[in-house]
Amino acid sequence: MPRLHAVLIAVVSAVYLASLWFNFTEAERRSVSLEIPPISADYLQMDVDVVYVDLLRSEITTRISFRLAGRLAQDELTPATDLQLVLNSSKGQQQFDFPKGQRINPVEVVFPLKGEINFYPFDHHKGVLWLFVSFPAKQIAGRPNPDPKVNIVPEGVANAPGLPVSTSSLEQQMQVDTRTTFTATIPGLTFRNSRSVESVQTLKGLTGIDVDLTRSTNVVFISIIAMSMMAALAIGLVIMVFQIVHGSRHMATFHIPMAVSLIFGLPALRNIQPGVPPQGTFGDSIAFTWAEIAAAGSAIALIAHWLFRRRHDVPPPAI
């Protein structure tokens, strides 16, 4: 027995230390950092950082900061010419104008996502962040010798959902060269499969970032553990009640309170799952809903058993 205890302690310690290491290095596995280089030395740099994700509303919030380089810049933050940024945002304005000689400040933009949150913790969400930078139309019209060359827009880009500009705008030589970085590191979410839209990398001024978002491994692991505990508690309670009702075990005073407490304790156990949505998810149909039914049914069965047995066990009053 002492040897068995030592083995158990060693195994538990190893699992605990492994979980600590796994959590300590988890940020590297769920984060992503992309860079889309410019074509020329004159460009607008856009640093897109994900600051918040609301999967209930299917929204991703980003903070975009800007830097200028080459002939576009009076200095790093002040353009030497008028610029225009168009986005496929789902809230607020989609067009930002940056006048010549005025400082460009960071902006917060909310982009749309698509996904089915009810499949938590195995839900999968996608979205495309489109950013299009150009010179204003009036500035292009005033140029003495506009470049007659026309961009060839791939058919997949022209028909892409959510594209904030028309194909004719993409075909014109009025775009501003850009350098774009995309950074995302949100606890509980994995962005590792996010990529730039390759078909638009040859189109000057247009940037597409294909966001691919799932729950992190830690969240999936905690959710599975929580569902397993709920299922184990429900199964154990049902077996206990079955044995009491059939007379193989005697009912103690704590059985009914235990069953009733589980009705209120299971929601608290469910809520330890990080970022869990309201009731009704796929995970609930696996464990939580059935565990609640088992707890409520067990409490009712124990109360009925207690009432039935008391009625027959109490001797009739003496006459």
Foldseek 3Di string as FASTA:
>chain_A
DVVVVVVVVVVVVVVVVVVVVCVVCQQVQFKDKDKQAWPDQWFKEWEWEFDDADVVQQKTKIKIDIFTGDQQDPHGFFGQAKKKKAKLAPDDDRIDIHHHGDGDGIDMTMHGKDWDQLQPQFIKIKDKIKMFMFHDPVVQVPDPDADPFFDDQDPCVQPPPSHGDHPRVQGGPTGGIYMYMYIYGDPQKGFPPKDWDVRCSPRGRMTMIMTIMHTGPVLVVLLVVLQVVLQVVLVVLLVVLVCCLVPVDPDDPCSLVVLVVCLVVSVVSNVVRPPRDDPDGPSCVSGVVVSNVSSVVSNVSVVVSVVVVVVVPDDDDDD
